[in-house]
Amino acid sequence: MEKRRHPRLHLQLPIRFIVEQPETRDSQSGQGMLKNISYGGILFQVEPPLPVQPGHVREFSFFLTPENNKECDLAHFQAQGLVLRIEPPDPNSSAYGVAVQFLSALVKKDVTIKMNISSRRRVRTGSKPIRDDR
């Protein structure tokens, strides 16, 4: 039985990301596939070239995007993280797994969810942070 501080949510969702090096403020963006996430970290898959190496501490911005709508982010969040490991690709894939430990656990206020409310004539988009009731 796994003993983890934060339970994982296993998903298979497209993800976009921006990785920023704190010292130089250089950034690199990319897209991949979210595999699992918790308040303490994330595992996502990305095609080479990889924007990070194990041991790097970076500022990450993640955007969860539905496959059929690249303009609408369902959720996004930012976190400083330590790259724990790079996993080799599965035999049928060329995507590497990137495991990142958040240096401070995410709380609900760190995550923003955008909801689309559609009527017959118009679509309205609002952005609102999730409240942390702790």
N, C-alpha and C. Protein backbone atom coordinates (compact mmCIF):
# COMPACT_ATOMS: atom_id res chain seq x y z
N MET A 1 0.84 -1.19 0.00
CA MET A 1 0.00 0.00 0.00
C MET A 1 0.88 1.25 0.00
N GLU A 2 0.55 2.19 -0.88
CA GLU A 2 1.32 3.43 -0.97
C GLU A 2 1.03 4.34 0.22
N LYS A 3 2.09 4.90 0.78
CA LYS A 3 1.92 5.88 1.85
C LYS A 3 2.43 7.21 1.32
N ARG A 4 1.51 8.08 0.97
CA ARG A 4 1.86 9.38 0.40
C ARG A 4 1.23 10.48 1.23
N ARG A 5 1.89 11.61 1.26
CA ARG A 5 1.36 12.77 1.98
C ARG A 5 0.11 13.31 1.29
N HIS A 6 0.11 13.30 -0.04
CA HIS A 6 -1.01 13.81 -0.83
C HIS A 6 -1.46 12.73 -1.80
N PRO A 7 -2.75 12.38 -1.82
CA PRO A 7 -3.22 11.37 -2.77
C PRO A 7 -3.10 11.88 -4.21
N ARG A 8 -2.83 10.96 -5.12
CA ARG A 8 -2.68 11.31 -6.53
C ARG A 8 -4.02 11.17 -7.25
N LEU A 9 -4.18 12.02 -8.23
CA LEU A 9 -5.31 11.93 -9.15
C LEU A 9 -4.73 11.52 -10.50
N HIS A 10 -5.08 10.33 -10.97
CA HIS A 10 -4.56 9.82 -12.24
C HIS A 10 -5.45 10.30 -13.37
N LEU A 11 -4.85 10.97 -14.34
CA LEU A 11 -5.58 11.56 -15.46
C LEU A 11 -4.84 11.29 -16.75
N GLN A 12 -5.50 11.54 -17.83
CA GLN A 12 -4.89 11.47 -19.15
C GLN A 12 -5.41 12.69 -19.92
N LEU A 13 -4.82 13.85 -19.65
CA LEU A 13 -5.29 15.10 -20.23
C LEU A 13 -4.16 15.84 -20.93
N PRO A 14 -4.47 16.50 -22.05
CA PRO A 14 -3.46 17.37 -22.67
C PRO A 14 -3.10 18.50 -21.71
N ILE A 15 -1.84 18.87 -21.71
CA ILE A 15 -1.38 19.93 -20.82
C ILE A 15 -0.40 20.81 -21.58
N ARG A 16 -0.47 22.10 -21.32
CA ARG A 16 0.54 23.03 -21.82
C ARG A 16 1.30 23.53 -20.60
N PHE A 17 2.55 23.90 -20.80
CA PHE A 17 3.34 24.36 -19.66
C PHE A 17 4.33 25.42 -20.10
N ILE A 18 4.73 26.21 -19.12
CA ILE A 18 5.82 27.17 -19.26
C ILE A 18 6.77 26.90 -18.10
N VAL A 19 8.04 26.75 -18.41
CA VAL A 19 9.07 26.52 -17.40
C VAL A 19 9.99 27.73 -17.41
N GLU A 20 10.16 28.34 -16.24
CA GLU A 20 11.00 29.53 -16.14
C GLU A 20 12.16 29.26 -15.19
N GLN A 21 13.35 29.64 -15.63
CA GLN A 21 14.53 29.53 -14.78
C GLN A 21 14.59 30.77 -13.91
N PRO A 22 14.48 30.62 -12.57
CA PRO A 22 14.39 31.79 -11.69
C PRO A 22 15.56 32.77 -11.81
N GLU A 23 16.79 32.24 -11.97
CA GLU A 23 17.97 33.11 -11.97
C GLU A 23 18.04 34.00 -13.21
N THR A 24 17.70 33.46 -14.36
CA THR A 24 17.86 34.22 -15.60
C THR A 24 16.54 34.72 -16.18
N ARG A 25 15.44 34.22 -15.66
CA ARG A 25 14.10 34.55 -16.17
C ARG A 25 13.88 34.07 -17.60
N ASP A 26 14.77 33.18 -18.10
CA ASP A 26 14.54 32.54 -19.40
C ASP A 26 13.39 31.57 -19.24
N SER A 27 12.56 31.45 -20.27
CA SER A 27 11.45 30.52 -20.18
C SER A 27 11.36 29.69 -21.45
N GLN A 28 10.75 28.54 -21.30
CA GLN A 28 10.55 27.61 -22.40
C GLN A 28 9.13 27.05 -22.24
N SER A 29 8.42 26.92 -23.34
CA SER A 29 7.06 26.39 -23.26
C SER A 29 6.98 25.10 -24.06
N GLY A 30 5.94 24.35 -23.79
CA GLY A 30 5.73 23.10 -24.49
C GLY A 30 4.38 22.53 -24.18
N GLN A 31 4.14 21.36 -24.70
CA GLN A 31 2.89 20.67 -24.40
C GLN A 31 3.16 19.20 -24.24
N GLY A 32 2.28 18.54 -23.54
CA GLY A 32 2.45 17.13 -23.28
C GLY A 32 1.16 16.53 -22.79
N MET A 33 1.29 15.49 -21.97
CA MET A 33 0.14 14.77 -21.45
C MET A 33 0.28 14.64 -19.94
N LEU A 34 -0.71 15.11 -19.21
CA LEU A 34 -0.74 14.97 -17.75
C LEU A 34 -1.03 13.52 -17.42
N LYS A 35 -0.23 12.93 -16.54
CA LYS A 35 -0.42 11.54 -16.13
C LYS A 35 -1.03 11.45 -14.73
N ASN A 36 -0.46 12.22 -13.78
CA ASN A 36 -1.07 12.28 -12.45
C ASN A 36 -0.63 13.57 -11.77
N ILE A 37 -1.43 13.94 -10.77
CA ILE A 37 -1.18 15.19 -10.05
C ILE A 37 -1.68 15.03 -8.62
N SER A 38 -1.03 15.74 -7.71
CA SER A 38 -1.48 15.83 -6.32
C SER A 38 -1.15 17.24 -5.85
N TYR A 39 -1.50 17.54 -4.62
CA TYR A 39 -1.13 18.85 -4.08
C TYR A 39 0.38 18.95 -3.91
N GLY A 40 1.10 17.81 -3.95
CA GLY A 40 2.55 17.82 -3.73
C GLY A 40 3.40 17.67 -4.97
N GLY A 41 2.79 17.37 -6.13
CA GLY A 41 3.61 17.20 -7.32
C GLY A 41 2.81 16.80 -8.55
N ILE A 42 3.53 16.61 -9.65
CA ILE A 42 2.90 16.32 -10.92
C ILE A 42 3.81 15.39 -11.73
N LEU A 43 3.18 14.54 -12.53
CA LEU A 43 3.91 13.73 -13.50
C LEU A 43 3.25 13.98 -14.85
N PHE A 44 4.07 14.43 -15.81
CA PHE A 44 3.54 14.66 -17.15
C PHE A 44 4.53 14.11 -18.16
N GLN A 45 4.03 13.84 -19.36
CA GLN A 45 4.87 13.33 -20.43
C GLN A 45 5.09 14.42 -21.47
N VAL A 46 6.29 14.45 -22.01
CA VAL A 46 6.65 15.48 -22.99
C VAL A 46 7.62 14.87 -24.00
N GLU A 47 7.51 15.33 -25.23
CA GLU A 47 8.42 14.90 -26.30
C GLU A 47 9.74 15.68 -26.16
N PRO A 48 10.86 15.07 -26.57
CA PRO A 48 12.13 15.81 -26.55
C PRO A 48 12.07 17.01 -27.50
N PRO A 49 12.86 18.04 -27.28
CA PRO A 49 13.84 18.19 -26.21
C PRO A 49 13.14 18.54 -24.90
N LEU A 50 13.69 18.04 -23.83
CA LEU A 50 13.10 18.26 -22.51
C LEU A 50 13.53 19.63 -21.98
N PRO A 51 12.59 20.36 -21.36
CA PRO A 51 12.92 21.70 -20.87
C PRO A 51 13.65 21.70 -19.54
N VAL A 52 13.85 20.54 -18.91
CA VAL A 52 14.44 20.47 -17.57
C VAL A 52 15.29 19.21 -17.44
N GLN A 53 16.06 19.17 -16.36
CA GLN A 53 16.86 18.01 -16.00
C GLN A 53 16.64 17.71 -14.51
N PRO A 54 16.86 16.47 -14.07
CA PRO A 54 16.72 16.16 -12.64
C PRO A 54 17.61 17.07 -11.80
N GLY A 55 17.06 17.53 -10.69
CA GLY A 55 17.78 18.43 -9.79
C GLY A 55 17.50 19.90 -10.03
N HIS A 56 16.92 20.24 -11.18
CA HIS A 56 16.59 21.64 -11.46
C HIS A 56 15.42 22.11 -10.60
N VAL A 57 15.52 23.32 -10.08
CA VAL A 57 14.40 23.99 -9.43
C VAL A 57 13.92 25.04 -10.41
N ARG A 58 12.65 25.00 -10.75
CA ARG A 58 12.10 25.89 -11.77
C ARG A 58 10.72 26.39 -11.35
N GLU A 59 10.33 27.49 -11.95
CA GLU A 59 8.97 28.01 -11.81
C GLU A 59 8.15 27.39 -12.95
N PHE A 60 7.06 26.72 -12.61
CA PHE A 60 6.21 26.06 -13.60
C PHE A 60 4.85 26.73 -13.66
N SER A 61 4.33 26.90 -14.85
CA SER A 61 2.93 27.27 -15.07
C SER A 61 2.33 26.15 -15.91
N PHE A 62 1.22 25.61 -15.45
CA PHE A 62 0.55 24.52 -16.16
C PHE A 62 -0.85 24.96 -16.57
N PHE A 63 -1.26 24.56 -17.76
CA PHE A 63 -2.57 24.89 -18.31
C PHE A 63 -3.22 23.62 -18.81
N LEU A 64 -4.36 23.27 -18.25
CA LEU A 64 -5.10 22.08 -18.69
C LEU A 64 -6.08 22.52 -19.77
N THR A 65 -5.95 21.93 -20.94
CA THR A 65 -6.71 22.36 -22.10
C THR A 65 -7.49 21.19 -22.68
N PRO A 66 -8.79 21.35 -22.91
CA PRO A 66 -9.51 20.27 -23.57
C PRO A 66 -8.99 20.09 -25.00
N GLU A 67 -8.99 18.84 -25.47
CA GLU A 67 -8.42 18.55 -26.78
C GLU A 67 -9.12 19.29 -27.91
N ASN A 68 -10.42 19.50 -27.79
CA ASN A 68 -11.16 20.11 -28.90
C ASN A 68 -11.19 21.63 -28.85
N ASN A 69 -10.55 22.24 -27.86
CA ASN A 69 -10.60 23.69 -27.77
C ASN A 69 -9.28 24.22 -27.20
N LYS A 70 -8.36 24.59 -28.06
CA LYS A 70 -7.04 25.05 -27.62
C LYS A 70 -7.08 26.46 -27.03
N GLU A 71 -8.19 27.17 -27.19
CA GLU A 71 -8.28 28.54 -26.69
C GLU A 71 -8.83 28.61 -25.27
N CYS A 72 -9.38 27.53 -24.75
CA CYS A 72 -10.05 27.58 -23.46
C CYS A 72 -9.30 26.74 -22.44
N ASP A 73 -8.76 27.35 -21.42
CA ASP A 73 -8.08 26.61 -20.37
C ASP A 73 -9.08 26.29 -19.27
N LEU A 74 -9.27 25.01 -18.98
CA LEU A 74 -10.17 24.63 -17.90
C LEU A 74 -9.58 25.00 -16.55
N ALA A 75 -8.27 24.87 -16.42
CA ALA A 75 -7.61 25.21 -15.15
C ALA A 75 -6.16 25.55 -15.42
N HIS A 76 -5.62 26.39 -14.59
CA HIS A 76 -4.19 26.62 -14.65
C HIS A 76 -3.66 26.89 -13.25
N PHE A 77 -2.37 26.62 -13.08
CA PHE A 77 -1.76 26.87 -11.79
C PHE A 77 -0.27 27.10 -11.98
N GLN A 78 0.32 27.74 -10.99
CA GLN A 78 1.75 28.02 -10.99
C GLN A 78 2.34 27.44 -9.71
N ALA A 79 3.56 26.94 -9.82
CA ALA A 79 4.23 26.38 -8.65
C ALA A 79 5.73 26.34 -8.90
N GLN A 80 6.48 26.50 -7.83
CA GLN A 80 7.92 26.28 -7.92
C GLN A 80 8.13 24.80 -7.62
N GLY A 81 8.95 24.15 -8.44
CA GLY A 81 9.11 22.72 -8.26
C GLY A 81 10.53 22.24 -8.49
N LEU A 82 10.82 21.10 -7.89
CA LEU A 82 12.09 20.41 -8.04
C LEU A 82 11.85 19.23 -8.98
N VAL A 83 12.62 19.16 -10.06
CA VAL A 83 12.50 18.04 -10.99
C VAL A 83 13.17 16.83 -10.33
N LEU A 84 12.36 15.84 -9.98
CA LEU A 84 12.86 14.65 -9.30
C LEU A 84 13.50 13.65 -10.25
N ARG A 85 12.82 13.40 -11.37
CA ARG A 85 13.33 12.40 -12.29
C ARG A 85 12.75 12.59 -13.68
N ILE A 86 13.46 12.03 -14.65
CA ILE A 86 13.00 11.94 -16.03
C ILE A 86 12.85 10.44 -16.32
N GLU A 87 11.65 10.01 -16.67
CA GLU A 87 11.39 8.60 -16.95
C GLU A 87 11.54 8.34 -18.44
N PRO A 88 12.19 7.23 -18.81
CA PRO A 88 12.35 6.91 -20.23
C PRO A 88 11.00 6.62 -20.88
N PRO A 89 10.91 6.77 -22.20
CA PRO A 89 9.64 6.52 -22.89
C PRO A 89 9.23 5.05 -22.79
N ASP A 90 7.90 4.84 -22.86
CA ASP A 90 7.36 3.49 -23.00
C ASP A 90 7.77 2.95 -24.36
N PRO A 91 7.73 1.64 -24.56
CA PRO A 91 8.14 1.07 -25.86
C PRO A 91 7.38 1.64 -27.07
N ASN A 92 6.13 2.01 -26.89
CA ASN A 92 5.32 2.51 -28.02
C ASN A 92 5.22 4.03 -28.06
N SER A 93 6.13 4.71 -27.40
CA SER A 93 6.04 6.17 -27.31
C SER A 93 7.44 6.78 -27.38
N SER A 94 7.49 8.06 -27.72
CA SER A 94 8.76 8.78 -27.66
C SER A 94 8.73 9.86 -26.58
N ALA A 95 7.63 9.89 -25.80
CA ALA A 95 7.48 10.90 -24.75
C ALA A 95 8.12 10.45 -23.45
N TYR A 96 8.89 11.34 -22.85
CA TYR A 96 9.52 11.10 -21.56
C TYR A 96 8.60 11.57 -20.44
N GLY A 97 8.65 10.89 -19.29
CA GLY A 97 7.91 11.32 -18.12
C GLY A 97 8.74 12.29 -17.31
N VAL A 98 8.13 13.38 -16.85
CA VAL A 98 8.81 14.36 -16.03
C VAL A 98 8.08 14.42 -14.68
N ALA A 99 8.77 14.06 -13.61
CA ALA A 99 8.20 14.08 -12.26
C ALA A 99 8.72 15.32 -11.53
N VAL A 100 7.79 16.13 -11.06
CA VAL A 100 8.13 17.38 -10.37
C VAL A 100 7.49 17.38 -8.99
N GLN A 101 8.30 17.68 -7.98
CA GLN A 101 7.80 17.85 -6.62
C GLN A 101 7.63 19.34 -6.37
N PHE A 102 6.43 19.75 -5.99
CA PHE A 102 6.21 21.16 -5.67
C PHE A 102 6.91 21.47 -4.36
N LEU A 103 7.61 22.61 -4.32
CA LEU A 103 8.39 22.96 -3.13
C LEU A 103 7.52 23.45 -1.99
N SER A 104 6.32 23.88 -2.29
CA SER A 104 5.31 24.09 -1.26
C SER A 104 4.02 23.50 -1.84
N ALA A 105 3.31 22.77 -1.03
CA ALA A 105 2.12 22.07 -1.51
C ALA A 105 1.11 23.07 -2.06
N LEU A 106 0.50 22.69 -3.16
CA LEU A 106 -0.56 23.52 -3.72
C LEU A 106 -1.73 23.56 -2.75
N VAL A 107 -2.39 24.68 -2.72
CA VAL A 107 -3.66 24.78 -2.01
C VAL A 107 -4.68 25.27 -3.02
N LYS A 108 -5.92 25.16 -2.68
CA LYS A 108 -6.97 25.48 -3.65
C LYS A 108 -6.85 26.88 -4.23
N LYS A 109 -6.37 27.83 -3.46
CA LYS A 109 -6.27 29.20 -3.97
C LYS A 109 -5.20 29.34 -5.06
N ASP A 110 -4.30 28.35 -5.19
CA ASP A 110 -3.27 28.39 -6.23
C ASP A 110 -3.80 28.00 -7.60
N VAL A 111 -4.98 27.39 -7.64
CA VAL A 111 -5.53 26.85 -8.88
C VAL A 111 -6.69 27.72 -9.33
N THR A 112 -6.67 28.12 -10.60
CA THR A 112 -7.76 28.90 -11.17
C THR A 112 -8.49 28.03 -12.17
N ILE A 113 -9.81 28.02 -12.07
CA ILE A 113 -10.63 27.25 -13.01
C ILE A 113 -11.49 28.22 -13.79
N LYS A 114 -11.48 28.07 -15.11
CA LYS A 114 -12.33 28.87 -15.97
C LYS A 114 -13.49 28.00 -16.42
N MET A 115 -14.67 28.53 -16.27
CA MET A 115 -15.85 27.77 -16.67
C MET A 115 -16.53 28.46 -17.83
N ASN A 116 -16.96 27.70 -18.79
CA ASN A 116 -17.72 28.24 -19.91
C ASN A 116 -19.19 28.01 -19.65
N ILE A 117 -19.94 29.07 -19.69
CA ILE A 117 -21.39 28.99 -19.54
C ILE A 117 -21.97 29.39 -20.87
N SER A 118 -22.62 28.46 -21.52
CA SER A 118 -23.12 28.77 -22.86
C SER A 118 -24.65 28.79 -22.87
N SER A 119 -25.17 29.72 -23.63
CA SER A 119 -26.59 29.75 -23.92
C SER A 119 -26.72 29.57 -25.42
N ARG A 120 -27.91 29.68 -25.93
CA ARG A 120 -28.11 29.49 -27.37
C ARG A 120 -27.44 30.57 -28.19
N ARG A 121 -27.32 31.77 -27.63
CA ARG A 121 -26.81 32.89 -28.42
C ARG A 121 -25.39 33.31 -28.09
N ARG A 122 -24.93 33.06 -26.88
CA ARG A 122 -23.60 33.57 -26.53
C ARG A 122 -22.88 32.62 -25.58
N VAL A 123 -21.57 32.79 -25.54
CA VAL A 123 -20.73 32.05 -24.61
C VAL A 123 -20.07 33.06 -23.71
N ARG A 124 -20.13 32.81 -22.41
CA ARG A 124 -19.54 33.72 -21.44
C ARG A 124 -18.47 32.96 -20.67
N THR A 125 -17.32 33.56 -20.55
CA THR A 125 -16.22 32.93 -19.83
C THR A 125 -15.86 33.79 -18.63
N GLY A 126 -15.73 33.14 -17.49
CA GLY A 126 -15.32 33.84 -16.28
C GLY A 126 -14.15 33.11 -15.66
N SER A 127 -13.34 33.82 -14.92
CA SER A 127 -12.21 33.21 -14.25
C SER A 127 -12.31 33.52 -12.78
N LYS A 128 -12.15 32.50 -11.96
CA LYS A 128 -12.32 32.70 -10.54
C LYS A 128 -11.46 31.70 -9.78
N PRO A 129 -10.69 32.14 -8.79
CA PRO A 129 -9.89 31.17 -8.03
C PRO A 129 -10.79 30.32 -7.14
N ILE A 130 -10.35 29.08 -6.91
CA ILE A 130 -11.03 28.21 -5.99
C ILE A 130 -10.68 28.69 -4.59
N ARG A 131 -11.66 28.76 -3.71
CA ARG A 131 -11.39 29.21 -2.35
C ARG A 131 -10.87 28.09 -1.50
N ASP A 132 -9.92 28.42 -0.67
CA ASP A 132 -9.38 27.44 0.27
C ASP A 132 -10.04 27.67 1.60
N ASP A 133 -10.82 26.71 2.04
CA ASP A 133 -11.59 26.87 3.29
C ASP A 133 -10.84 26.38 4.51
N ARG A 134 -9.56 26.09 4.34
CA ARG A 134 -8.81 25.61 5.51
C ARG A 134 -8.51 26.72 6.45
